[in-house]
Amino acid sequence: MQQVNVGPVSFGGSKQLVLIAGPCAIEDEALTLRIAEGLKEITTSLGCELIFKASYDKANRTSVTSFRGLGVDRGLRVLERVSNEFELPIISDVHDVSQMDAAAAVLDVLQIPAFLSRQTDLLVAAGQTGKPINLKKGQFLAPWDIQHGVSKIASTGNENILLTERGVSFGYNNLVVDMRSLVIMREMGYPVVFDATHSVQLPGGAGGSSSGQRQYVGALSRAAAATGIDGLFWEVHEDPDHALCDGANSLPLKQVKALLQQILEFDAAFKQGGQGDISDD
């Protein structure tokens, strides 16, 4: 198993799962800082490692009128402030090769969005930065097919790769999660993250935007934790019903502590039972 280190945070083996969390997109600086502060307090109190996630630019929104974030320059400045003030590693989506240098100068982990998981130039450019890469499996891919994206990154000599499951398309405007994919992808030798909040998304389900079913985030998170995943990905907002991006599938910040505590108990029960390898027969 390849261990991936993001500063003081480590993914892999029988280590406790890491939480990757934050708002879908950076709406404004003050809100982003409040969410980061809240998540830092929660994870510190529970002894869980945290990587803060927020997108400076959501280039894959459903509609041309959808909110995308603050843009590369302003958005990265906000993320840099989060990193400095709360001493947190940060992760964000990189949608285009032209953003790579600026993003790599600020981010601790570069995230490849699911829709772009086959884009060769993007994957190679990300690998060449030497930064850890979170490769999200496309909604259109079988779990074994992500190996081709892995190979593109690894061709640069960069093996610091996380693989994220975020559901697979199941008919129109719907996603399902095959928990076997968590096992299959981890057998490739890289840490696996489960993106619970995007897995309950209903792509394009609200017409000009996506909808979601956040009431199932807990159930899917518990199921994934019971397989021994290395990381858990949640989109979190103070007021999801009024969020400018992915509110329908985001968790309210006030609910995070109780649910995370439960998830960590599932994680510990599996890993402390000597079953740190989810490919166990």
C-alpha atoms as a PDB file:
ATOM      1  CA  MET A   1       0.000   0.000   0.000  1.00  0.00           C
ATOM      2  CA  GLN A   2       1.374   3.365  -1.076  1.00  0.00           C
ATOM      3  CA  GLN A   3       1.256   5.772   1.871  1.00  0.00           C
ATOM      4  CA  VAL A   4       0.451   9.335   0.862  1.00  0.00           C
ATOM      5  CA  ASN A   5       1.668  12.137   3.118  1.00  0.00           C
ATOM      6  CA  VAL A   6       0.170  15.610   2.998  1.00  0.00           C
ATOM      7  CA  GLY A   7       2.330  17.565   5.401  1.00  0.00           C
ATOM      8  CA  PRO A   8       1.705  15.972   8.817  1.00  0.00           C
ATOM      9  CA  VAL A   9      -1.368  14.087   7.522  1.00  0.00           C
ATOM     10  CA  SER A  10      -0.963  10.500   6.326  1.00  0.00           C
ATOM     11  CA  PHE A  11      -3.303   8.282   4.317  1.00  0.00           C
ATOM     12  CA  GLY A  12      -2.987   4.518   4.029  1.00  0.00           C
ATOM     13  CA  GLY A  13      -2.562   1.212   5.787  1.00  0.00           C
ATOM     14  CA  SER A  14      -4.372   0.893   9.094  1.00  0.00           C
ATOM     15  CA  LYS A  15      -4.232   4.625   9.905  1.00  0.00           C
ATOM     16  CA  GLN A  16      -7.407   6.348  11.042  1.00  0.00           C
ATOM     17  CA  LEU A  17      -9.361   7.824   8.157  1.00  0.00           C
ATOM     18  CA  VAL A  18      -8.734  11.467   7.256  1.00  0.00           C
ATOM     19  CA  LEU A  19     -11.612  13.909   6.777  1.00  0.00           C
ATOM     20  CA  ILE A  20     -11.576  16.094   3.667  1.00  0.00           C
ATOM     21  CA  ALA A  21     -14.263  18.725   4.152  1.00  0.00           C
ATOM     22  CA  GLY A  22     -15.405  22.250   3.408  1.00  0.00           C
ATOM     23  CA  PRO A  23     -17.902  24.148   1.250  1.00  0.00           C
ATOM     24  CA  CYS A  24     -18.365  23.195  -2.389  1.00  0.00           C
ATOM     25  CA  ALA A  25     -17.246  26.603  -3.642  1.00  0.00           C
ATOM     26  CA  ILE A  26     -15.737  29.670  -2.010  1.00  0.00           C
ATOM     27  CA  GLU A  27     -18.699  32.036  -1.719  1.00  0.00           C
ATOM     28  CA  ASP A  28     -16.933  34.709   0.309  1.00  0.00           C
ATOM     29  CA  GLU A  29     -13.887  34.920   2.530  1.00  0.00           C
ATOM     30  CA  ALA A  30     -15.668  35.338   5.867  1.00  0.00           C
ATOM     31  CA  LEU A  31     -17.949  32.329   5.380  1.00  0.00           C
ATOM     32  CA  THR A  32     -15.050  30.152   4.258  1.00  0.00           C
ATOM     33  CA  LEU A  33     -13.007  31.100   7.329  1.00  0.00           C
ATOM     34  CA  ARG A  34     -15.915  30.377   9.670  1.00  0.00           C
ATOM     35  CA  ILE A  35     -16.455  26.932   8.191  1.00  0.00           C
ATOM     36  CA  ALA A  36     -12.734  26.185   8.352  1.00  0.00           C
ATOM     37  CA  GLU A  37     -12.610  27.276  11.991  1.00  0.00           C
ATOM     38  CA  GLY A  38     -15.642  25.165  12.857  1.00  0.00           C
ATOM     39  CA  LEU A  39     -14.255  22.075  11.149  1.00  0.00           C
ATOM     40  CA  LYS A  40     -10.860  22.547  12.807  1.00  0.00           C
ATOM     41  CA  GLU A  41     -12.487  22.717  16.261  1.00  0.00           C
ATOM     42  CA  ILE A  42     -14.576  19.603  15.592  1.00  0.00           C
ATOM     43  CA  THR A  43     -11.790  17.436  14.214  1.00  0.00           C
ATOM     44  CA  THR A  44      -9.333  18.546  16.901  1.00  0.00           C
ATOM     45  CA  SER A  45     -11.810  17.604  19.613  1.00  0.00           C
ATOM     46  CA  LEU A  46     -12.280  14.151  18.040  1.00  0.00           C
ATOM     47  CA  GLY A  47      -8.610  13.550  17.249  1.00  0.00           C
ATOM     48  CA  CYS A  48      -9.246  13.334  13.508  1.00  0.00           C
ATOM     49  CA  GLU A  49      -6.942  14.733  10.823  1.00  0.00           C
ATOM     50  CA  LEU A  50      -8.522  17.332   8.516  1.00  0.00           C
ATOM     51  CA  ILE A  51      -7.756  18.595   5.033  1.00  0.00           C
ATOM     52  CA  PHE A  52      -9.838  21.652   4.138  1.00  0.00           C
ATOM     53  CA  LYS A  53     -11.560  21.625   0.764  1.00  0.00           C
ATOM     54  CA  ALA A  54     -13.195  24.446  -1.175  1.00  0.00           C
ATOM     55  CA  SER A  55     -13.217  25.176  -4.902  1.00  0.00           C
ATOM     56  CA  TYR A  56     -11.900  28.482  -6.172  1.00  0.00           C
ATOM     57  CA  ASP A  57     -13.609  27.812  -9.516  1.00  0.00           C
ATOM     58  CA  LYS A  58     -16.317  25.230 -10.270  1.00  0.00           C
ATOM     59  CA  ALA A  59     -15.954  25.073 -14.024  1.00  0.00           C
ATOM     60  CA  ASN A  60     -18.301  22.082 -14.369  1.00  0.00           C
ATOM     61  CA  ARG A  61     -21.566  23.607 -13.104  1.00  0.00           C
ATOM     62  CA  THR A  62     -24.763  22.612 -14.923  1.00  0.00           C
ATOM     63  CA  SER A  63     -25.739  26.068 -16.208  1.00  0.00           C
ATOM     64  CA  VAL A  64     -23.729  28.961 -17.618  1.00  0.00           C
ATOM     65  CA  THR A  65     -25.436  31.151 -14.989  1.00  0.00           C
ATOM     66  CA  SER A  66     -24.484  28.925 -12.034  1.00  0.00           C
ATOM     67  CA  PHE A  67     -22.196  30.345  -9.352  1.00  0.00           C
ATOM     68  CA  ARG A  68     -18.614  29.161  -9.873  1.00  0.00           C
ATOM     69  CA  GLY A  69     -16.632  30.672  -7.006  1.00  0.00           C
ATOM     70  CA  LEU A  70     -14.254  33.615  -6.693  1.00  0.00           C
ATOM     71  CA  GLY A  71     -11.893  32.615  -9.482  1.00  0.00           C
ATOM     72  CA  VAL A  72      -8.271  31.495  -9.466  1.00  0.00           C
ATOM     73  CA  ASP A  73      -6.525  34.543  -7.989  1.00  0.00           C
ATOM     74  CA  ARG A  74      -9.045  35.584  -5.312  1.00  0.00           C
ATOM     75  CA  GLY A  75      -9.982  32.020  -4.470  1.00  0.00           C
ATOM     76  CA  LEU A  76      -6.411  30.857  -3.948  1.00  0.00           C
ATOM     77  CA  ARG A  77      -5.753  33.865  -1.698  1.00  0.00           C
ATOM     78  CA  VAL A  78      -8.664  32.810   0.512  1.00  0.00           C
ATOM     79  CA  LEU A  79      -7.393  29.226   0.651  1.00  0.00           C
ATOM     80  CA  GLU A  80      -3.917  30.447   1.507  1.00  0.00           C
ATOM     81  CA  ARG A  81      -5.379  32.420   4.398  1.00  0.00           C
ATOM     82  CA  VAL A  82      -7.216  29.299   5.644  1.00  0.00           C
ATOM     83  CA  SER A  83      -3.957  27.382   5.525  1.00  0.00           C
ATOM     84  CA  ASN A  84      -2.019  30.049   7.394  1.00  0.00           C
ATOM     85  CA  GLU A  85      -4.586  30.930  10.059  1.00  0.00           C
ATOM     86  CA  PHE A  86      -5.730  27.420  10.924  1.00  0.00           C
ATOM     87  CA  GLU A  87      -2.593  25.447  10.019  1.00  0.00           C
ATOM     88  CA  LEU A  88      -4.592  23.166   7.747  1.00  0.00           C
ATOM     89  CA  PRO A  89      -3.567  21.400   4.541  1.00  0.00           C
ATOM     90  CA  ILE A  90      -5.816  22.504   1.690  1.00  0.00           C
ATOM     91  CA  ILE A  91      -7.181  20.887  -1.455  1.00  0.00           C
ATOM     92  CA  SER A  92      -9.067  22.289  -4.428  1.00  0.00           C
ATOM     93  CA  ASP A  93     -10.117  21.328  -7.949  1.00  0.00           C
ATOM     94  CA  VAL A  94      -7.869  22.100 -10.895  1.00  0.00           C
ATOM     95  CA  HIS A  95      -9.849  22.157 -14.137  1.00  0.00           C
ATOM     96  CA  ASP A  96      -7.275  23.338 -16.645  1.00  0.00           C
ATOM     97  CA  VAL A  97      -3.557  22.989 -17.285  1.00  0.00           C
ATOM     98  CA  SER A  98      -3.256  26.786 -17.340  1.00  0.00           C
ATOM     99  CA  GLN A  99      -4.176  26.879 -13.620  1.00  0.00           C
ATOM    100  CA  MET A 100      -1.637  24.273 -12.545  1.00  0.00           C
ATOM    101  CA  ASP A 101       1.337  26.433 -11.550  1.00  0.00           C
ATOM    102  CA  ALA A 102      -0.730  28.915  -9.544  1.00  0.00           C
ATOM    103  CA  ALA A 103      -2.664  26.120  -7.831  1.00  0.00           C
ATOM    104  CA  ALA A 104       0.443  24.086  -7.021  1.00  0.00           C
ATOM    105  CA  ALA A 105       2.059  27.125  -5.405  1.00  0.00           C
ATOM    106  CA  VAL A 106      -0.744  27.300  -2.806  1.00  0.00           C
ATOM    107  CA  LEU A 107      -2.480  23.917  -2.527  1.00  0.00           C
ATOM    108  CA  ASP A 108      -1.213  20.913  -0.601  1.00  0.00           C
ATOM    109  CA  VAL A 109      -3.263  18.493  -2.722  1.00  0.00           C
ATOM    110  CA  LEU A 110      -4.368  18.976  -6.324  1.00  0.00           C
ATOM    111  CA  GLN A 111      -7.782  17.486  -7.053  1.00  0.00           C
ATOM    112  CA  ILE A 112      -8.764  16.194 -10.487  1.00  0.00           C
ATOM    113  CA  PRO A 113     -12.544  16.525 -10.910  1.00  0.00           C
ATOM    114  CA  ALA A 114     -14.439  13.354 -11.806  1.00  0.00           C
ATOM    115  CA  PHE A 115     -15.536  14.667 -15.200  1.00  0.00           C
ATOM    116  CA  LEU A 116     -11.848  15.203 -16.102  1.00  0.00           C
ATOM    117  CA  SER A 117     -10.445  11.918 -14.814  1.00  0.00           C
ATOM    118  CA  ARG A 118      -9.410  10.843 -18.326  1.00  0.00           C
ATOM    119  CA  GLN A 119      -7.869  14.156 -19.464  1.00  0.00           C
ATOM    120  CA  THR A 120      -4.303  13.132 -20.237  1.00  0.00           C
ATOM    121  CA  ASP A 121      -2.714  16.586 -20.390  1.00  0.00           C
ATOM    122  CA  LEU A 122      -4.310  17.615 -17.082  1.00  0.00           C
ATOM    123  CA  LEU A 123      -3.263  14.423 -15.291  1.00  0.00           C
ATOM    124  CA  VAL A 124       0.307  14.588 -16.561  1.00  0.00           C
ATOM    125  CA  ALA A 125       0.640  18.272 -15.679  1.00  0.00           C
ATOM    126  CA  ALA A 126      -0.674  17.561 -12.181  1.00  0.00           C
ATOM    127  CA  GLY A 127       1.787  14.708 -11.751  1.00  0.00           C
ATOM    128  CA  GLN A 128       4.682  16.866 -12.864  1.00  0.00           C
ATOM    129  CA  THR A 129       4.111  19.290  -9.978  1.00  0.00           C
ATOM    130  CA  GLY A 130       5.202  16.565  -7.544  1.00  0.00           C
ATOM    131  CA  LYS A 131       2.211  17.406  -5.343  1.00  0.00           C
ATOM    132  CA  PRO A 132      -0.140  14.756  -3.947  1.00  0.00           C
ATOM    133  CA  ILE A 133      -3.021  14.233  -6.382  1.00  0.00           C
ATOM    134  CA  ASN A 134      -6.601  13.304  -5.506  1.00  0.00           C
ATOM    135  CA  LEU A 135      -8.000  11.602  -8.605  1.00  0.00           C
ATOM    136  CA  LYS A 136     -11.783  11.406  -8.482  1.00  0.00           C
ATOM    137  CA  LYS A 137     -13.218   8.490 -10.445  1.00  0.00           C
ATOM    138  CA  GLY A 138     -15.534   9.629 -13.202  1.00  0.00           C
ATOM    139  CA  GLN A 139     -19.227   8.877 -12.870  1.00  0.00           C
ATOM    140  CA  PHE A 140     -18.900   7.064 -16.194  1.00  0.00           C
ATOM    141  CA  LEU A 141     -16.022   4.765 -15.163  1.00  0.00           C
ATOM    142  CA  ALA A 142     -15.873   1.256 -13.761  1.00  0.00           C
ATOM    143  CA  PRO A 143     -13.568   1.100 -10.716  1.00  0.00           C
ATOM    144  CA  TRP A 144     -10.894  -0.878 -12.569  1.00  0.00           C
ATOM    145  CA  ASP A 145     -10.806   1.738 -15.351  1.00  0.00           C
ATOM    146  CA  ILE A 146      -9.348   4.373 -13.020  1.00  0.00           C
ATOM    147  CA  GLN A 147      -6.045   2.518 -13.382  1.00  0.00           C
ATOM    148  CA  HIS A 148      -5.508   4.293 -16.704  1.00  0.00           C
ATOM    149  CA  GLY A 149      -5.733   7.699 -15.022  1.00  0.00           C
ATOM    150  CA  VAL A 150      -3.385   6.489 -12.302  1.00  0.00           C
ATOM    151  CA  SER A 151      -0.888   5.395 -14.942  1.00  0.00           C
ATOM    152  CA  LYS A 152      -0.946   8.834 -16.552  1.00  0.00           C
ATOM    153  CA  ILE A 153      -0.050  10.512 -13.267  1.00  0.00           C
ATOM    154  CA  ALA A 154       2.490   7.842 -12.302  1.00  0.00           C
ATOM    155  CA  SER A 155       4.196   8.183 -15.699  1.00  0.00           C
ATOM    156  CA  THR A 156       5.685  11.423 -14.335  1.00  0.00           C
ATOM    157  CA  GLY A 157       7.267   9.563 -11.407  1.00  0.00           C
ATOM    158  CA  ASN A 158       4.657  10.917  -8.971  1.00  0.00           C
ATOM    159  CA  GLU A 159       3.100   8.103  -6.923  1.00  0.00           C
ATOM    160  CA  ASN A 160       1.439  10.360  -4.326  1.00  0.00           C
ATOM    161  CA  ILE A 161      -2.047   9.498  -5.506  1.00  0.00           C
ATOM    162  CA  LEU A 162      -5.392   9.274  -3.713  1.00  0.00           C
ATOM    163  CA  LEU A 163      -8.353   7.648  -5.454  1.00  0.00           C
ATOM    164  CA  THR A 164     -11.850   8.913  -4.719  1.00  0.00           C
ATOM    165  CA  GLU A 165     -15.158   7.143  -5.293  1.00  0.00           C
ATOM    166  CA  ARG A 166     -18.115   9.497  -5.808  1.00  0.00           C
ATOM    167  CA  GLY A 167     -20.804   7.263  -7.270  1.00  0.00           C
ATOM    168  CA  VAL A 168     -21.565   6.067 -10.769  1.00  0.00           C
ATOM    169  CA  SER A 169     -24.305   7.198 -13.167  1.00  0.00           C
ATOM    170  CA  PHE A 170     -27.438   5.076 -12.868  1.00  0.00           C
ATOM    171  CA  GLY A 171     -29.964   6.184 -15.448  1.00  0.00           C
ATOM    172  CA  TYR A 172     -30.832   9.860 -15.812  1.00  0.00           C
ATOM    173  CA  ASN A 173     -30.061  12.372 -13.017  1.00  0.00           C
ATOM    174  CA  ASN A 174     -29.073   9.694 -10.531  1.00  0.00           C
ATOM    175  CA  LEU A 175     -25.982   8.133  -8.966  1.00  0.00           C
ATOM    176  CA  VAL A 176     -25.471   4.924  -7.025  1.00  0.00           C
ATOM    177  CA  VAL A 177     -22.503   3.638  -5.034  1.00  0.00           C
ATOM    178  CA  ASP A 178     -21.102   0.150  -5.484  1.00  0.00           C
ATOM    179  CA  MET A 179     -19.176  -0.415  -2.246  1.00  0.00           C
ATOM    180  CA  ARG A 180     -17.109  -3.055  -4.034  1.00  0.00           C
ATOM    181  CA  SER A 181     -15.387  -0.229  -5.893  1.00  0.00           C
ATOM    182  CA  LEU A 182     -13.690   0.878  -2.658  1.00  0.00           C
ATOM    183  CA  VAL A 183     -12.079  -2.537  -2.387  1.00  0.00           C
ATOM    184  CA  ILE A 184     -11.247  -2.801  -6.084  1.00  0.00           C
ATOM    185  CA  MET A 185      -9.543   0.594  -6.246  1.00  0.00           C
ATOM    186  CA  ARG A 186      -7.558   0.035  -3.056  1.00  0.00           C
ATOM    187  CA  GLU A 187      -6.209  -3.212  -4.528  1.00  0.00           C
ATOM    188  CA  MET A 188      -4.328  -0.969  -6.980  1.00  0.00           C
ATOM    189  CA  GLY A 189      -2.106  -0.022  -4.038  1.00  0.00           C
ATOM    190  CA  TYR A 190      -3.258   3.549  -3.382  1.00  0.00           C
ATOM    191  CA  PRO A 191      -5.295   5.026  -0.518  1.00  0.00           C
ATOM    192  CA  VAL A 192      -9.005   5.328  -1.210  1.00  0.00           C
ATOM    193  CA  VAL A 193     -11.335   8.182  -0.254  1.00  0.00           C
ATOM    194  CA  PHE A 194     -15.124   8.004  -0.259  1.00  0.00           C
ATOM    195  CA  ASP A 195     -16.930  11.172  -1.328  1.00  0.00           C
ATOM    196  CA  ALA A 196     -20.242  10.689   0.453  1.00  0.00           C
ATOM    197  CA  THR A 197     -21.832  14.036  -0.324  1.00  0.00           C
ATOM    198  CA  HIS A 198     -21.267  13.954  -4.089  1.00  0.00           C
ATOM    199  CA  SER A 199     -22.486  10.359  -4.097  1.00  0.00           C
ATOM    200  CA  VAL A 200     -25.966  11.551  -3.057  1.00  0.00           C
ATOM    201  CA  GLN A 201     -26.017  14.248  -5.727  1.00  0.00           C
ATOM    202  CA  LEU A 202     -28.721  14.130  -8.405  1.00  0.00           C
ATOM    203  CA  PRO A 203     -26.817  15.588 -11.394  1.00  0.00           C
ATOM    204  CA  GLY A 204     -28.954  18.130 -13.220  1.00  0.00           C
ATOM    205  CA  GLY A 205     -31.865  17.000 -11.049  1.00  0.00           C
ATOM    206  CA  ALA A 206     -33.124  20.532 -10.427  1.00  0.00           C
ATOM    207  CA  GLY A 207     -33.261  21.494 -14.089  1.00  0.00           C
ATOM    208  CA  GLY A 208     -30.651  24.241 -14.322  1.00  0.00           C
ATOM    209  CA  SER A 209     -28.642  22.839 -11.407  1.00  0.00           C
ATOM    210  CA  SER A 210     -28.007  19.614  -9.535  1.00  0.00           C
ATOM    211  CA  SER A 211     -30.121  18.447  -6.646  1.00  0.00           C
ATOM    212  CA  GLY A 212     -29.271  15.952  -3.917  1.00  0.00           C
ATOM    213  CA  GLN A 213     -30.385  13.742  -1.047  1.00  0.00           C
ATOM    214  CA  ARG A 214     -28.273  14.658   1.959  1.00  0.00           C
ATOM    215  CA  GLN A 215     -30.398  12.448   4.218  1.00  0.00           C
ATOM    216  CA  TYR A 216     -28.401   9.469   2.916  1.00  0.00           C
ATOM    217  CA  VAL A 217     -24.918  10.857   3.591  1.00  0.00           C
ATOM    218  CA  GLY A 218     -24.725   9.235   7.027  1.00  0.00           C
ATOM    219  CA  ALA A 219     -25.783   5.786   5.844  1.00  0.00           C
ATOM    220  CA  LEU A 220     -23.311   5.742   2.956  1.00  0.00           C
ATOM    221  CA  SER A 221     -20.507   7.123   5.144  1.00  0.00           C
ATOM    222  CA  ARG A 222     -21.055   4.405   7.736  1.00  0.00           C
ATOM    223  CA  ALA A 223     -21.059   1.706   5.083  1.00  0.00           C
ATOM    224  CA  ALA A 224     -17.839   3.015   3.532  1.00  0.00           C
ATOM    225  CA  ALA A 225     -16.104   3.406   6.903  1.00  0.00           C
ATOM    226  CA  ALA A 226     -16.938  -0.202   7.701  1.00  0.00           C
ATOM    227  CA  THR A 227     -14.829  -1.271   4.713  1.00  0.00           C
ATOM    228  CA  GLY A 228     -11.711   0.462   6.034  1.00  0.00           C
ATOM    229  CA  ILE A 229     -11.411   3.486   3.731  1.00  0.00           C
ATOM    230  CA  ASP A 230      -8.466   5.861   4.108  1.00  0.00           C
ATOM    231  CA  GLY A 231     -10.381   9.120   3.792  1.00  0.00           C
ATOM    232  CA  LEU A 232     -13.896  10.539   3.851  1.00  0.00           C
ATOM    233  CA  PHE A 233     -14.980  13.538   1.784  1.00  0.00           C
ATOM    234  CA  TRP A 234     -17.874  15.757   2.904  1.00  0.00           C
ATOM    235  CA  GLU A 235     -19.077  19.070   1.552  1.00  0.00           C
ATOM    236  CA  VAL A 236     -20.084  21.184   4.544  1.00  0.00           C
ATOM    237  CA  HIS A 237     -21.904  24.523   4.791  1.00  0.00           C
ATOM    238  CA  GLU A 238     -23.346  26.675   7.580  1.00  0.00           C
ATOM    239  CA  ASP A 239     -26.694  26.881   5.782  1.00  0.00           C
ATOM    240  CA  PRO A 240     -26.852  24.287   2.986  1.00  0.00           C
ATOM    241  CA  ASP A 241     -30.364  25.256   1.895  1.00  0.00           C
ATOM    242  CA  HIS A 242     -29.006  28.663   0.877  1.00  0.00           C
ATOM    243  CA  ALA A 243     -25.594  27.573  -0.403  1.00  0.00           C
ATOM    244  CA  LEU A 244     -24.649  28.822  -3.854  1.00  0.00           C
ATOM    245  CA  CYS A 245     -23.302  25.430  -4.932  1.00  0.00           C
ATOM    246  CA  ASP A 246     -24.250  21.822  -4.066  1.00  0.00           C
ATOM    247  CA  GLY A 247     -26.355  22.795  -1.074  1.00  0.00           C
ATOM    248  CA  ALA A 248     -28.790  19.908  -1.519  1.00  0.00           C
ATOM    249  CA  ASN A 249     -26.072  17.337  -0.916  1.00  0.00           C
ATOM    250  CA  SER A 250     -24.003  19.291   1.647  1.00  0.00           C
ATOM    251  CA  LEU A 251     -23.985  18.601   5.387  1.00  0.00           C
ATOM    252  CA  PRO A 252     -24.881  21.358   7.853  1.00  0.00           C
ATOM    253  CA  LEU A 253     -21.818  22.272   9.918  1.00  0.00           C
ATOM    254  CA  LYS A 254     -23.800  21.781  13.145  1.00  0.00           C
ATOM    255  CA  GLN A 255     -24.347  18.103  12.295  1.00  0.00           C
ATOM    256  CA  VAL A 256     -20.738  17.243  11.516  1.00  0.00           C
ATOM    257  CA  LYS A 257     -19.424  16.450  14.997  1.00  0.00           C
ATOM    258  CA  ALA A 258     -22.010  13.843  15.966  1.00  0.00           C
ATOM    259  CA  LEU A 259     -21.860  12.080  12.605  1.00  0.00           C
ATOM    260  CA  LEU A 260     -18.069  12.156  12.414  1.00  0.00           C
ATOM    261  CA  GLN A 261     -17.766  10.697  15.900  1.00  0.00           C
ATOM    262  CA  GLN A 262     -19.965   7.814  14.814  1.00  0.00           C
ATOM    263  CA  ILE A 263     -17.978   7.297  11.615  1.00  0.00           C
ATOM    264  CA  LEU A 264     -14.684   7.214  13.511  1.00  0.00           C
ATOM    265  CA  GLU A 265     -16.088   4.466  15.725  1.00  0.00           C
ATOM    266  CA  PHE A 266     -16.895   2.387  12.634  1.00  0.00           C
ATOM    267  CA  ASP A 267     -13.419   3.077  11.278  1.00  0.00           C
ATOM    268  CA  ALA A 268     -11.740   2.063  14.549  1.00  0.00           C
ATOM    269  CA  ALA A 269     -13.810  -1.097  14.884  1.00  0.00           C
ATOM    270  CA  PHE A 270     -12.573  -2.277  11.502  1.00  0.00           C
ATOM    271  CA  LYS A 271      -8.953  -1.212  11.701  1.00  0.00           C
ATOM    272  CA  GLN A 272      -8.285  -2.044  15.334  1.00  0.00           C
ATOM    273  CA  GLY A 273      -9.703  -5.469  14.673  1.00  0.00           C
ATOM    274  CA  GLY A 274      -6.639  -6.225  12.566  1.00  0.00           C
ATOM    275  CA  GLN A 275      -8.451  -5.738   9.283  1.00  0.00           C
ATOM    276  CA  GLY A 276      -6.617  -2.689   7.988  1.00  0.00           C
ATOM    277  CA  ASP A 277      -6.603  -4.080   4.457  1.00  0.00           C
ATOM    278  CA  ILE A 278     -10.016  -3.792   2.811  1.00  0.00           C
ATOM    279  CA  SER A 279      -8.952  -6.333   0.198  1.00  0.00           C
ATOM    280  CA  ASP A 280      -9.026  -8.933   2.993  1.00  0.00           C
ATOM    281  CA  ASP A 281     -10.449 -12.302   1.861  1.00  0.00           C
END
